[in-house]
Amino acid sequence: MGLEARCAGVKEKVAGTEILYVPGTDMAQVSSTVTAKLQATADADAIIGLGAPYTLTILKAVTSAGSKAKVASFDMNAELAQKIVDGEIAFTVDQQPWLQGYGAIDALWQAKRGGFQVGGGQPVLTGPSIVDQETAPAVLEFAKEGVR
């Protein structure tokens, strides 16, 4: 359901968006499906992957197809962050699942300890955030330090 919501959100905001379904368990199939679609759609200007492994495969397919389409993503790993630094991927929407999970557990623990509210009753922002060429170097540095 979450992946469908991401697709629906992109389609709602970006006119002319087409959703391309690929079998997410077979990266060779992802690559061939995306390559074929890009070869058949020469005017495609952007493609958004729904996860770091898929996006990295999509990036290779864009090159293989000789497409000029920009590549973006949802979610991230260190390799994808490096591709953003290198200018090969435009950006990713980083969900920050560790922070989301940690914050929830911390809130429960604090409540059990005596009703303390994490964030003092105000919203506790845990993401998502946009990681682009400007912010990706810091993300990589945090990852090396074990903070991310």
Protein backbone atom coordinates (compact mmCIF):
# COMPACT_ATOMS: atom_id res chain seq x y z
CA MET A 1 0.00 0.00 0.00
CA GLY A 2 2.84 2.42 0.78
CA LEU A 3 4.37 1.99 -2.68
CA GLU A 4 1.00 2.57 -4.31
CA ALA A 5 0.61 5.76 -2.25
CA ARG A 6 4.00 7.00 -3.42
CA CYS A 7 3.04 6.37 -7.04
CA ALA A 8 -0.32 8.06 -6.58
CA GLY A 9 1.33 11.09 -5.00
CA VAL A 10 3.80 11.50 -7.86
CA LYS A 11 1.05 10.98 -10.44
CA GLU A 12 -1.16 13.57 -8.74
CA LYS A 13 1.56 16.24 -8.75
CA VAL A 14 3.41 15.51 -11.99
CA ALA A 15 1.30 15.74 -15.14
CA GLY A 16 1.80 12.95 -17.66
CA THR A 17 3.15 10.48 -15.11
CA GLU A 18 2.83 6.83 -16.04
CA ILE A 19 3.22 4.07 -13.48
CA LEU A 20 5.41 1.21 -14.68
CA TYR A 21 5.05 -1.98 -12.66
CA VAL A 22 8.12 -4.20 -12.38
CA PRO A 23 8.75 -7.44 -10.47
CA GLY A 24 10.73 -6.16 -7.49
CA THR A 25 12.31 -9.51 -6.72
CA ASP A 26 14.20 -9.81 -10.01
CA MET A 27 16.58 -6.95 -10.80
CA ALA A 28 17.35 -8.34 -14.29
CA GLN A 29 13.63 -8.13 -15.06
CA VAL A 30 13.46 -4.61 -13.57
CA SER A 31 16.33 -3.57 -15.83
CA SER A 32 14.88 -5.09 -19.00
CA THR A 33 11.39 -3.68 -18.34
CA VAL A 34 12.70 -0.17 -17.70
CA THR A 35 15.13 -0.30 -20.64
CA ALA A 36 12.34 -1.40 -23.01
CA LYS A 37 10.00 1.32 -21.74
CA LEU A 38 12.66 4.02 -22.13
CA GLN A 39 13.50 2.83 -25.65
CA ALA A 40 9.80 3.00 -26.56
CA THR A 41 9.32 6.38 -24.87
CA ALA A 42 12.14 8.58 -26.13
CA ASP A 43 10.61 11.74 -24.63
CA ALA A 44 10.64 10.42 -21.02
CA ASP A 45 12.37 13.10 -18.98
CA ALA A 46 12.36 11.58 -15.49
CA ILE A 47 11.99 8.24 -13.76
CA ILE A 48 11.50 7.72 -10.04
CA GLY A 49 12.40 4.48 -8.30
CA LEU A 50 10.58 3.35 -5.18
CA GLY A 51 13.65 2.08 -3.34
CA ALA A 52 17.42 2.37 -3.49
CA PRO A 53 18.17 -1.05 -5.08
CA TYR A 54 15.54 -0.48 -7.79
CA THR A 55 16.74 3.05 -8.44
CA LEU A 56 20.33 1.91 -8.87
CA THR A 57 19.11 -0.69 -11.38
CA ILE A 58 16.99 1.98 -13.10
CA LEU A 59 20.06 4.23 -13.39
CA LYS A 60 21.88 1.47 -15.28
CA ALA A 61 18.82 0.95 -17.51
CA VAL A 62 18.70 4.67 -18.35
CA THR A 63 22.32 4.47 -19.47
CA SER A 64 21.73 1.22 -21.37
CA ALA A 65 18.74 2.72 -23.19
CA GLY A 66 20.69 5.85 -24.12
CA SER A 67 18.01 7.92 -22.39
CA LYS A 68 18.47 11.46 -21.11
CA ALA A 69 15.87 10.89 -18.36
CA LYS A 70 16.80 12.19 -14.91
CA VAL A 71 16.63 9.61 -12.12
CA ALA A 72 15.25 10.20 -8.62
CA SER A 73 14.25 7.89 -5.79
CA PHE A 74 12.46 7.13 -2.60
CA ASP A 75 14.58 5.72 0.23
CA MET A 76 18.31 5.49 0.33
CA ASN A 77 21.45 3.50 0.97
CA ALA A 78 25.11 4.56 0.90
CA GLU A 79 25.57 3.69 -2.79
CA LEU A 80 22.57 5.77 -3.80
CA ALA A 81 23.78 8.68 -1.66
CA GLN A 82 27.13 8.51 -3.46
CA LYS A 83 25.35 8.58 -6.84
CA ILE A 84 23.58 11.75 -5.69
CA VAL A 85 26.92 13.29 -4.69
CA ASP A 86 28.29 12.31 -8.11
CA GLY A 87 25.33 13.98 -9.85
CA GLU A 88 24.03 10.75 -11.39
CA ILE A 89 20.80 10.73 -9.35
CA ALA A 90 18.91 13.99 -8.77
CA PHE A 91 17.51 13.35 -5.28
CA THR A 92 15.84 10.89 -2.97
CA VAL A 93 13.05 11.15 -0.42
CA ASP A 94 14.62 9.73 2.73
CA GLN A 95 12.03 8.25 5.08
CA GLN A 96 14.48 7.88 7.98
CA PRO A 97 12.93 4.64 9.30
CA TRP A 98 15.45 4.27 12.14
CA LEU A 99 14.50 7.68 13.50
CA GLN A 100 10.80 6.96 13.12
CA GLY A 101 11.12 3.62 14.94
CA TYR A 102 13.44 4.92 17.64
CA GLY A 103 11.21 7.92 18.33
CA ALA A 104 8.15 5.73 18.81
CA ILE A 105 9.93 3.41 21.25
CA ASP A 106 11.45 6.36 23.11
CA ALA A 107 8.00 7.96 23.46
CA LEU A 108 6.58 4.73 24.91
CA TRP A 109 9.51 4.37 27.32
CA GLN A 110 9.20 7.98 28.47
CA ALA A 111 5.44 7.61 29.00
CA LYS A 112 6.01 4.46 31.08
CA ARG A 113 8.56 6.35 33.20
CA GLY A 114 6.05 8.91 34.30
CA GLY A 115 4.14 10.55 31.51
CA PHE A 116 6.95 12.62 30.01
CA GLN A 117 5.97 13.61 26.47
CA VAL A 118 8.68 13.45 23.82
CA GLY A 119 8.69 16.84 22.13
CA GLY A 120 6.85 18.48 25.01
CA GLY A 121 3.49 17.79 23.38
CA GLN A 122 4.58 19.33 20.08
CA PRO A 123 5.06 17.41 16.83
CA VAL A 124 8.28 15.41 16.70
CA LEU A 125 9.61 15.66 13.16
CA THR A 126 11.21 12.44 11.95
CA GLY A 127 11.25 12.99 8.23
CA PRO A 128 10.94 12.42 5.46
CA SER A 129 13.63 14.67 4.13
CA ILE A 130 14.94 15.38 0.65
CA VAL A 131 18.54 14.36 0.05
CA ASP A 132 20.03 16.11 -2.96
CA GLN A 133 23.51 16.97 -4.20
CA GLU A 134 23.83 19.68 -1.54
CA THR A 135 22.90 17.50 1.44
CA ALA A 136 24.14 14.05 0.35
CA PRO A 137 27.79 14.61 1.41
CA ALA A 138 26.70 15.18 5.03
CA VAL A 139 24.49 12.08 4.90
CA LEU A 140 27.48 10.02 3.74
CA GLU A 141 29.66 11.48 6.49
CA PHE A 142 27.07 10.62 9.15
CA ALA A 143 26.85 7.09 7.75
CA LYS A 144 30.63 6.68 8.09
CA GLU A 145 30.39 7.79 11.72
CA GLY A 146 27.65 5.27 12.35
CA VAL A 147 25.12 8.00 13.13
CA ARG A 148 22.97 7.28 10.12
